[in-house]
Amino acid sequence: MDYRCEIITPVGKMDAVSDGERIVGLWFAGQKYRNDEKIAGAEKKQLPIFEELMSWLDIYFSGKEPKNMPPLGPAGSMFRQKVWDMLMDIPYGQTTTYGCLAHRITENTGKKACAQAIGGAVGHNPISILIPCHRVVASDGGLTGYAGGLEVKKYLLKLEQEGIFAGVCKLL
């Protein structure tokens, strides 16, 4: 059984889904690749895991790096899981490129990965912000597509790099 809650953040409304122990989804309203079916099929309920998520988000949106990540359980192919694991290694306030991630996959697996395949996996990240796909940029440093929207991506990168206070989150 999945459970859900709605969260108001400084960058808009988000929907969180949990299996009761882990966060399995966190999407912006209107986000590309948002799993509306999973959200609609989940029971709305207050859970300790959602309190952990709120605590993490409050620290994050206060312009600080959160230390205690709530348990995550994103579902996806082995390739996507590897890419999402690499995203978790990108330090707070820093960025990497799709090409660098592709090179790392190739080095780690011996199988050639292209930046476009990495982009597909990054774009389908089901746990926005916590799995920091917003930290991936084009090879020239430019901001490319972000499932939550480019304005949100810019905001999150600025928040991390400048430590600006963005406000607090609240559960609906």
N, C-alpha and C. Protein backbone atom coordinates (compact mmCIF):
# COMPACT_ATOMS: atom_id res chain seq x y z
N MET A 1 0.84 -1.18 0.00
CA MET A 1 0.00 0.00 0.00
C MET A 1 0.89 1.24 0.00
N ASP A 2 0.54 2.20 -0.84
CA ASP A 2 1.26 3.47 -0.89
C ASP A 2 0.43 4.55 -0.20
N TYR A 3 1.14 5.54 0.32
CA TYR A 3 0.53 6.65 1.02
C TYR A 3 1.06 7.94 0.41
N ARG A 4 0.28 9.01 0.54
CA ARG A 4 0.69 10.27 -0.06
C ARG A 4 0.41 11.43 0.87
N CYS A 5 1.12 12.51 0.58
CA CYS A 5 0.82 13.79 1.22
C CYS A 5 1.16 14.89 0.24
N GLU A 6 0.55 16.04 0.43
CA GLU A 6 0.83 17.21 -0.39
C GLU A 6 1.66 18.16 0.45
N ILE A 7 2.64 18.79 -0.20
CA ILE A 7 3.55 19.69 0.49
C ILE A 7 3.61 21.00 -0.28
N ILE A 8 3.53 22.10 0.44
CA ILE A 8 3.73 23.41 -0.15
C ILE A 8 5.17 23.80 0.14
N THR A 9 5.94 24.08 -0.92
CA THR A 9 7.34 24.47 -0.78
C THR A 9 7.53 25.86 -1.38
N PRO A 10 8.66 26.48 -1.15
CA PRO A 10 8.92 27.78 -1.77
C PRO A 10 8.95 27.74 -3.31
N VAL A 11 9.05 26.54 -3.90
CA VAL A 11 9.03 26.44 -5.36
C VAL A 11 7.72 25.83 -5.87
N GLY A 12 6.73 25.74 -5.01
CA GLY A 12 5.42 25.25 -5.43
C GLY A 12 4.97 24.00 -4.72
N LYS A 13 3.78 23.56 -5.09
CA LYS A 13 3.18 22.36 -4.49
C LYS A 13 3.89 21.11 -5.01
N MET A 14 4.10 20.17 -4.09
CA MET A 14 4.68 18.87 -4.45
C MET A 14 3.82 17.77 -3.85
N ASP A 15 3.84 16.62 -4.49
CA ASP A 15 3.17 15.44 -3.98
C ASP A 15 4.22 14.40 -3.63
N ALA A 16 4.16 13.90 -2.40
CA ALA A 16 5.08 12.86 -1.93
C ALA A 16 4.31 11.55 -1.81
N VAL A 17 4.98 10.45 -2.16
CA VAL A 17 4.40 9.12 -2.02
C VAL A 17 5.41 8.26 -1.26
N SER A 18 4.88 7.45 -0.34
CA SER A 18 5.71 6.56 0.47
C SER A 18 5.09 5.17 0.48
N ASP A 19 5.95 4.16 0.64
CA ASP A 19 5.46 2.81 0.84
C ASP A 19 5.21 2.54 2.33
N GLY A 20 5.33 3.57 3.14
CA GLY A 20 5.15 3.47 4.58
C GLY A 20 6.47 3.54 5.33
N GLU A 21 7.55 3.20 4.63
CA GLU A 21 8.88 3.22 5.25
C GLU A 21 9.88 4.08 4.49
N ARG A 22 9.65 4.23 3.18
CA ARG A 22 10.58 4.98 2.33
C ARG A 22 9.80 5.95 1.46
N ILE A 23 10.47 7.02 1.04
CA ILE A 23 9.89 7.92 0.05
C ILE A 23 10.13 7.26 -1.30
N VAL A 24 9.06 7.05 -2.06
CA VAL A 24 9.18 6.42 -3.38
C VAL A 24 8.89 7.41 -4.50
N GLY A 25 8.37 8.58 -4.16
CA GLY A 25 8.11 9.60 -5.17
C GLY A 25 7.97 10.97 -4.54
N LEU A 26 8.47 11.97 -5.25
CA LEU A 26 8.29 13.37 -4.85
C LEU A 26 8.30 14.19 -6.13
N TRP A 27 7.10 14.67 -6.51
CA TRP A 27 6.95 15.36 -7.79
C TRP A 27 6.35 16.74 -7.60
N PHE A 28 6.77 17.66 -8.47
CA PHE A 28 6.16 18.98 -8.54
C PHE A 28 4.82 18.86 -9.25
N ALA A 29 3.90 19.75 -8.92
CA ALA A 29 2.64 19.83 -9.66
C ALA A 29 2.99 20.14 -11.11
N GLY A 30 2.46 19.39 -12.04
CA GLY A 30 2.70 19.63 -13.46
C GLY A 30 4.04 19.15 -13.97
N GLN A 31 4.79 18.45 -13.16
CA GLN A 31 6.12 17.98 -13.56
C GLN A 31 6.04 16.97 -14.70
N LYS A 32 6.98 17.08 -15.61
CA LYS A 32 7.10 16.09 -16.69
C LYS A 32 7.46 14.75 -16.05
N TYR A 33 6.91 13.67 -16.55
CA TYR A 33 7.13 12.30 -16.07
C TYR A 33 6.59 12.07 -14.65
N ARG A 34 5.71 12.92 -14.21
CA ARG A 34 5.06 12.78 -12.90
C ARG A 34 4.20 11.52 -12.95
N ASN A 35 4.19 10.75 -11.90
CA ASN A 35 3.42 9.51 -11.87
C ASN A 35 2.06 9.78 -11.22
N ASP A 36 1.16 10.37 -11.99
CA ASP A 36 -0.17 10.72 -11.47
C ASP A 36 -0.96 9.49 -11.03
N GLU A 37 -0.75 8.38 -11.72
CA GLU A 37 -1.45 7.14 -11.36
C GLU A 37 -1.03 6.68 -9.96
N LYS A 38 0.26 6.72 -9.68
CA LYS A 38 0.76 6.31 -8.37
C LYS A 38 0.24 7.25 -7.27
N ILE A 39 0.23 8.55 -7.57
CA ILE A 39 -0.26 9.52 -6.60
C ILE A 39 -1.74 9.29 -6.32
N ALA A 40 -2.53 9.14 -7.39
CA ALA A 40 -3.98 8.96 -7.24
C ALA A 40 -4.33 7.66 -6.52
N GLY A 41 -3.50 6.63 -6.70
CA GLY A 41 -3.77 5.34 -6.06
C GLY A 41 -3.30 5.23 -4.62
N ALA A 42 -2.64 6.27 -4.13
CA ALA A 42 -2.12 6.24 -2.76
C ALA A 42 -3.12 6.86 -1.79
N GLU A 43 -3.15 6.32 -0.60
CA GLU A 43 -4.04 6.82 0.45
C GLU A 43 -3.40 8.04 1.12
N LYS A 44 -4.17 9.09 1.30
CA LYS A 44 -3.66 10.28 1.98
C LYS A 44 -3.59 9.98 3.47
N LYS A 45 -2.38 10.11 4.04
CA LYS A 45 -2.20 9.76 5.44
C LYS A 45 -0.95 10.43 5.99
N GLN A 46 -1.00 10.85 7.24
CA GLN A 46 0.18 11.40 7.92
C GLN A 46 1.01 10.22 8.43
N LEU A 47 2.29 10.24 8.09
CA LEU A 47 3.20 9.17 8.50
C LEU A 47 4.50 9.77 9.02
N PRO A 48 5.22 9.06 9.88
CA PRO A 48 6.52 9.54 10.34
C PRO A 48 7.49 9.81 9.19
N ILE A 49 7.44 9.02 8.13
CA ILE A 49 8.35 9.24 7.00
C ILE A 49 8.09 10.60 6.34
N PHE A 50 6.84 11.04 6.33
CA PHE A 50 6.53 12.36 5.78
C PHE A 50 7.04 13.47 6.70
N GLU A 51 7.04 13.22 8.01
CA GLU A 51 7.63 14.19 8.94
C GLU A 51 9.14 14.29 8.71
N GLU A 52 9.80 13.15 8.47
CA GLU A 52 11.23 13.16 8.14
C GLU A 52 11.49 13.95 6.87
N LEU A 53 10.64 13.72 5.86
CA LEU A 53 10.77 14.45 4.60
C LEU A 53 10.60 15.95 4.82
N MET A 54 9.60 16.34 5.61
CA MET A 54 9.36 17.76 5.89
C MET A 54 10.55 18.38 6.60
N SER A 55 11.13 17.67 7.54
CA SER A 55 12.29 18.17 8.25
C SER A 55 13.45 18.40 7.28
N TRP A 56 13.67 17.43 6.40
CA TRP A 56 14.74 17.55 5.40
C TRP A 56 14.49 18.76 4.50
N LEU A 57 13.27 18.89 4.00
CA LEU A 57 12.94 20.00 3.11
C LEU A 57 13.06 21.35 3.81
N ASP A 58 12.65 21.42 5.08
CA ASP A 58 12.78 22.69 5.82
C ASP A 58 14.24 23.11 5.95
N ILE A 59 15.11 22.17 6.24
CA ILE A 59 16.54 22.48 6.33
C ILE A 59 17.05 22.91 4.96
N TYR A 60 16.69 22.16 3.92
CA TYR A 60 17.14 22.46 2.57
C TYR A 60 16.70 23.86 2.16
N PHE A 61 15.42 24.18 2.34
CA PHE A 61 14.91 25.48 1.91
C PHE A 61 15.31 26.62 2.85
N SER A 62 15.99 26.29 3.95
CA SER A 62 16.56 27.36 4.80
C SER A 62 17.94 27.76 4.27
N GLY A 63 18.38 27.10 3.18
CA GLY A 63 19.67 27.43 2.58
C GLY A 63 20.83 26.65 3.16
N LYS A 64 20.51 25.56 3.86
CA LYS A 64 21.56 24.73 4.46
C LYS A 64 21.51 23.32 3.85
N GLU A 65 22.62 22.61 3.98
CA GLU A 65 22.68 21.24 3.48
C GLU A 65 22.13 20.28 4.53
N PRO A 66 21.04 19.59 4.23
CA PRO A 66 20.51 18.60 5.18
C PRO A 66 21.47 17.42 5.32
N LYS A 67 21.58 16.89 6.51
CA LYS A 67 22.50 15.77 6.75
C LYS A 67 21.80 14.43 6.79
N ASN A 68 20.58 14.38 7.30
CA ASN A 68 19.89 13.10 7.49
C ASN A 68 18.83 12.88 6.42
N MET A 69 19.23 12.15 5.39
CA MET A 69 18.33 11.84 4.29
C MET A 69 17.28 10.82 4.75
N PRO A 70 16.00 11.09 4.50
CA PRO A 70 15.01 10.05 4.79
C PRO A 70 15.26 8.85 3.89
N PRO A 71 14.83 7.67 4.29
CA PRO A 71 15.00 6.50 3.43
C PRO A 71 14.28 6.68 2.10
N LEU A 72 14.98 6.33 1.01
CA LEU A 72 14.43 6.47 -0.33
C LEU A 72 14.27 5.10 -0.98
N GLY A 73 13.27 4.97 -1.84
CA GLY A 73 13.04 3.73 -2.56
C GLY A 73 12.53 3.98 -3.97
N PRO A 74 13.34 4.66 -4.81
CA PRO A 74 12.87 4.91 -6.18
C PRO A 74 12.83 3.61 -6.99
N ALA A 75 11.79 3.46 -7.78
CA ALA A 75 11.66 2.27 -8.64
C ALA A 75 12.10 2.63 -10.05
N GLY A 76 12.92 1.77 -10.63
CA GLY A 76 13.38 1.99 -11.99
C GLY A 76 14.31 0.87 -12.43
N SER A 77 14.70 0.91 -13.69
CA SER A 77 15.60 -0.10 -14.24
C SER A 77 16.96 -0.04 -13.55
N MET A 78 17.77 -1.07 -13.74
CA MET A 78 19.11 -1.07 -13.15
C MET A 78 19.92 0.12 -13.65
N PHE A 79 19.80 0.45 -14.92
CA PHE A 79 20.52 1.60 -15.48
C PHE A 79 20.10 2.88 -14.77
N ARG A 80 18.80 3.10 -14.66
CA ARG A 80 18.32 4.31 -14.00
C ARG A 80 18.77 4.35 -12.53
N GLN A 81 18.72 3.20 -11.86
CA GLN A 81 19.17 3.13 -10.46
C GLN A 81 20.63 3.56 -10.34
N LYS A 82 21.47 3.11 -11.29
CA LYS A 82 22.89 3.50 -11.26
C LYS A 82 23.04 5.01 -11.45
N VAL A 83 22.29 5.56 -12.38
CA VAL A 83 22.36 7.01 -12.62
C VAL A 83 21.88 7.76 -11.38
N TRP A 84 20.77 7.34 -10.79
CA TRP A 84 20.25 8.03 -9.60
C TRP A 84 21.23 7.91 -8.44
N ASP A 85 21.91 6.78 -8.31
CA ASP A 85 22.94 6.64 -7.28
C ASP A 85 24.07 7.65 -7.52
N MET A 86 24.45 7.84 -8.77
CA MET A 86 25.50 8.82 -9.08
C MET A 86 25.04 10.24 -8.77
N LEU A 87 23.77 10.52 -8.98
CA LEU A 87 23.25 11.85 -8.66
C LEU A 87 23.40 12.14 -7.17
N MET A 88 23.23 11.10 -6.36
CA MET A 88 23.36 11.26 -4.91
C MET A 88 24.79 11.60 -4.50
N ASP A 89 25.74 11.32 -5.37
CA ASP A 89 27.15 11.62 -5.09
C ASP A 89 27.56 13.04 -5.46
N ILE A 90 26.70 13.79 -6.15
CA ILE A 90 27.04 15.16 -6.54
C ILE A 90 26.95 16.03 -5.27
N PRO A 91 28.05 16.64 -4.86
CA PRO A 91 28.02 17.43 -3.63
C PRO A 91 27.04 18.60 -3.69
N TYR A 92 26.47 18.89 -2.56
CA TYR A 92 25.58 20.04 -2.38
C TYR A 92 26.28 21.29 -2.89
N GLY A 93 25.57 22.08 -3.69
CA GLY A 93 26.12 23.33 -4.19
C GLY A 93 27.01 23.19 -5.40
N GLN A 94 27.18 21.97 -5.91
CA GLN A 94 28.02 21.75 -7.08
C GLN A 94 27.20 21.12 -8.20
N THR A 95 27.78 21.11 -9.39
CA THR A 95 27.11 20.52 -10.54
C THR A 95 28.05 19.57 -11.25
N THR A 96 27.47 18.75 -12.11
CA THR A 96 28.22 17.90 -13.02
C THR A 96 27.49 17.93 -14.36
N THR A 97 28.05 17.26 -15.35
CA THR A 97 27.43 17.25 -16.68
C THR A 97 26.91 15.86 -17.02
N TYR A 98 26.02 15.84 -18.00
CA TYR A 98 25.51 14.56 -18.50
C TYR A 98 26.67 13.73 -19.05
N GLY A 99 27.60 14.39 -19.74
CA GLY A 99 28.76 13.70 -20.30
C GLY A 99 29.64 13.08 -19.23
N CYS A 100 29.86 13.79 -18.13
CA CYS A 100 30.66 13.24 -17.03
C CYS A 100 29.98 12.01 -16.43
N LEU A 101 28.68 12.08 -16.27
CA LEU A 101 27.95 10.92 -15.74
C LEU A 101 28.04 9.74 -16.71
N ALA A 102 27.94 10.00 -18.00
CA ALA A 102 28.05 8.94 -19.01
C ALA A 102 29.44 8.30 -18.94
N HIS A 103 30.46 9.12 -18.79
CA HIS A 103 31.83 8.61 -18.68
C HIS A 103 31.98 7.72 -17.45
N ARG A 104 31.40 8.14 -16.34
CA ARG A 104 31.47 7.33 -15.11
C ARG A 104 30.76 5.99 -15.27
N ILE A 105 29.60 6.00 -15.91
CA ILE A 105 28.87 4.74 -16.15
C ILE A 105 29.73 3.82 -17.00
N THR A 106 30.32 4.36 -18.06
CA THR A 106 31.16 3.55 -18.95
C THR A 106 32.34 2.97 -18.18
N GLU A 107 32.98 3.79 -17.36
CA GLU A 107 34.11 3.31 -16.56
C GLU A 107 33.69 2.21 -15.58
N ASN A 108 32.54 2.39 -14.94
CA ASN A 108 32.08 1.46 -13.90
C ASN A 108 31.52 0.15 -14.45
N THR A 109 30.93 0.20 -15.64
CA THR A 109 30.26 -1.00 -16.16
C THR A 109 30.97 -1.62 -17.35
N GLY A 110 31.83 -0.84 -18.00
CA GLY A 110 32.47 -1.33 -19.21
C GLY A 110 31.57 -1.23 -20.43
N LYS A 111 30.36 -0.73 -20.22
CA LYS A 111 29.40 -0.56 -21.33
C LYS A 111 29.29 0.92 -21.65
N LYS A 112 29.38 1.24 -22.93
CA LYS A 112 29.33 2.64 -23.36
C LYS A 112 27.96 3.23 -23.06
N ALA A 113 27.96 4.37 -22.41
CA ALA A 113 26.73 5.10 -22.13
C ALA A 113 26.84 6.47 -22.78
N CYS A 114 25.76 6.94 -23.37
CA CYS A 114 25.79 8.26 -24.00
C CYS A 114 25.07 9.27 -23.11
N ALA A 115 25.40 10.52 -23.31
CA ALA A 115 24.82 11.60 -22.51
C ALA A 115 23.30 11.64 -22.65
N GLN A 116 22.77 11.27 -23.82
CA GLN A 116 21.32 11.28 -24.02
C GLN A 116 20.63 10.23 -23.14
N ALA A 117 21.26 9.05 -23.02
CA ALA A 117 20.69 8.01 -22.15
C ALA A 117 20.71 8.46 -20.70
N ILE A 118 21.80 9.13 -20.32
CA ILE A 118 21.89 9.67 -18.97
C ILE A 118 20.78 10.69 -18.77
N GLY A 119 20.58 11.56 -19.76
CA GLY A 119 19.53 12.57 -19.68
C GLY A 119 18.16 11.97 -19.48
N GLY A 120 17.89 10.86 -20.15
CA GLY A 120 16.61 10.18 -19.98
C GLY A 120 16.42 9.68 -18.56
N ALA A 121 17.48 9.08 -18.00
CA ALA A 121 17.41 8.58 -16.63
C ALA A 121 17.26 9.72 -15.64
N VAL A 122 18.02 10.79 -15.86
CA VAL A 122 17.94 11.96 -14.97
C VAL A 122 16.53 12.54 -15.02
N GLY A 123 15.98 12.67 -16.20
CA GLY A 123 14.65 13.25 -16.36
C GLY A 123 13.54 12.44 -15.72
N HIS A 124 13.74 11.13 -15.63
CA HIS A 124 12.72 10.25 -15.04
C HIS A 124 12.95 10.00 -13.55
N ASN A 125 13.83 10.77 -12.93
CA ASN A 125 14.05 10.66 -11.49
C ASN A 125 12.72 10.88 -10.76
N PRO A 126 12.27 9.88 -9.98
CA PRO A 126 10.97 10.02 -9.34
C PRO A 126 10.99 10.76 -8.00
N ILE A 127 12.18 11.15 -7.52
CA ILE A 127 12.26 11.81 -6.21
C ILE A 127 13.01 13.13 -6.36
N SER A 128 12.29 14.13 -6.83
CA SER A 128 12.88 15.45 -7.08
C SER A 128 13.50 16.03 -5.81
N ILE A 129 14.50 16.81 -6.00
CA ILE A 129 15.27 17.54 -4.99
C ILE A 129 16.13 16.60 -4.15
N LEU A 130 15.55 15.58 -3.52
CA LEU A 130 16.34 14.68 -2.67
C LEU A 130 17.36 13.89 -3.49
N ILE A 131 16.93 13.37 -4.63
CA ILE A 131 17.87 12.83 -5.61
C ILE A 131 18.13 14.00 -6.55
N PRO A 132 19.28 14.66 -6.40
CA PRO A 132 19.47 16.01 -6.95
C PRO A 132 19.75 16.08 -8.46
N CYS A 133 18.75 15.75 -9.25
CA CYS A 133 18.90 15.83 -10.70
C CYS A 133 19.06 17.27 -11.18
N HIS A 134 18.67 18.23 -10.35
CA HIS A 134 18.83 19.64 -10.73
C HIS A 134 20.31 20.03 -10.80
N ARG A 135 21.21 19.22 -10.27
CA ARG A 135 22.64 19.52 -10.28
C ARG A 135 23.35 19.08 -11.56
N VAL A 136 22.61 18.57 -12.53
CA VAL A 136 23.21 18.13 -13.79
C VAL A 136 22.95 19.20 -14.84
N VAL A 137 24.04 19.62 -15.50
CA VAL A 137 23.98 20.70 -16.49
C VAL A 137 24.60 20.22 -17.81
N ALA A 138 24.46 21.03 -18.84
CA ALA A 138 25.05 20.72 -20.15
C ALA A 138 26.57 20.85 -20.07
N SER A 139 27.25 20.30 -21.06
CA SER A 139 28.72 20.31 -21.07
C SER A 139 29.29 21.73 -21.08
N ASP A 140 28.53 22.69 -21.59
CA ASP A 140 29.00 24.08 -21.59
C ASP A 140 28.57 24.83 -20.33
N GLY A 141 27.99 24.10 -19.38
CA GLY A 141 27.53 24.72 -18.14
C GLY A 141 26.13 25.29 -18.21
N GLY A 142 25.53 25.23 -19.39
CA GLY A 142 24.18 25.76 -19.57
C GLY A 142 23.13 24.88 -18.89
N LEU A 143 22.02 25.52 -18.57
CA LEU A 143 20.92 24.78 -17.96
C LEU A 143 20.06 24.19 -19.06
N THR A 144 19.93 22.89 -19.01
CA THR A 144 19.08 22.20 -19.97
C THR A 144 17.81 21.76 -19.26
N GLY A 145 16.98 21.02 -19.95
CA GLY A 145 15.69 20.62 -19.42
C GLY A 145 15.72 20.11 -17.99
N TYR A 146 14.67 20.41 -17.29
CA TYR A 146 14.46 19.93 -15.93
C TYR A 146 12.98 19.60 -15.83
N ALA A 147 12.66 18.39 -15.39
CA ALA A 147 11.27 17.94 -15.37
C ALA A 147 10.38 18.87 -14.54
N GLY A 148 10.94 19.53 -13.53
CA GLY A 148 10.17 20.46 -12.72
C GLY A 148 10.13 21.87 -13.27
N GLY A 149 10.82 22.10 -14.40
CA GLY A 149 10.86 23.41 -15.03
C GLY A 149 12.19 24.10 -14.80
N LEU A 150 12.66 24.82 -15.81
CA LEU A 150 13.96 25.48 -15.73
C LEU A 150 14.01 26.55 -14.65
N GLU A 151 12.91 27.24 -14.40
CA GLU A 151 12.92 28.27 -13.35
C GLU A 151 13.15 27.63 -11.98
N VAL A 152 12.56 26.47 -11.75
CA VAL A 152 12.78 25.76 -10.49
C VAL A 152 14.23 25.30 -10.39
N LYS A 153 14.78 24.78 -11.48
CA LYS A 153 16.18 24.35 -11.50
C LYS A 153 17.11 25.52 -11.13
N LYS A 154 16.89 26.67 -11.77
CA LYS A 154 17.70 27.86 -11.47
C LYS A 154 17.59 28.22 -10.00
N TYR A 155 16.37 28.19 -9.49
CA TYR A 155 16.12 28.54 -8.09
C TYR A 155 16.87 27.61 -7.14
N LEU A 156 16.79 26.30 -7.39
CA LEU A 156 17.44 25.33 -6.52
C LEU A 156 18.96 25.47 -6.56
N LEU A 157 19.52 25.68 -7.74
CA LEU A 157 20.97 25.86 -7.84
C LEU A 157 21.41 27.13 -7.13
N LYS A 158 20.65 28.20 -7.28
CA LYS A 158 20.98 29.46 -6.60
C LYS A 158 20.87 29.28 -5.08
N LEU A 159 19.84 28.61 -4.64
CA LEU A 159 19.65 28.33 -3.21
C LEU A 159 20.87 27.61 -2.64
N GLU A 160 21.34 26.58 -3.34
CA GLU A 160 22.47 25.80 -2.85
C GLU A 160 23.78 26.59 -2.91
N GLN A 161 23.96 27.37 -3.94
CA GLN A 161 25.23 28.08 -4.11
C GLN A 161 25.32 29.34 -3.27
N GLU A 162 24.18 29.94 -2.94
CA GLU A 162 24.21 31.20 -2.21
C GLU A 162 23.65 31.09 -0.80
N GLY A 163 23.05 29.95 -0.47
CA GLY A 163 22.50 29.76 0.86
C GLY A 163 21.39 30.73 1.21
N ILE A 164 20.62 31.16 0.21
CA ILE A 164 19.54 32.11 0.47
C ILE A 164 18.43 31.44 1.27
N PHE A 165 17.75 32.20 2.09
CA PHE A 165 16.62 31.66 2.84
C PHE A 165 15.41 31.69 1.95
N ALA A 166 14.82 30.53 1.74
CA ALA A 166 13.71 30.44 0.82
C ALA A 166 12.36 30.29 1.52
N GLY A 167 12.35 29.98 2.79
CA GLY A 167 11.09 29.79 3.49
C GLY A 167 10.92 28.37 3.94
N VAL A 168 9.81 28.11 4.56
CA VAL A 168 9.54 26.79 5.11
C VAL A 168 8.47 26.08 4.29
N CYS A 169 8.36 24.80 4.52
CA CYS A 169 7.38 23.97 3.83
C CYS A 169 6.25 23.65 4.80
N LYS A 170 5.11 23.28 4.26
CA LYS A 170 4.02 22.83 5.13
C LYS A 170 3.25 21.72 4.44
N LEU A 171 2.76 20.80 5.26
CA LEU A 171 1.93 19.71 4.77
C LEU A 171 0.51 20.20 4.59
N LEU A 172 -0.13 19.70 3.56
CA LEU A 172 -1.56 20.01 3.35
C LEU A 172 -2.39 18.83 3.77
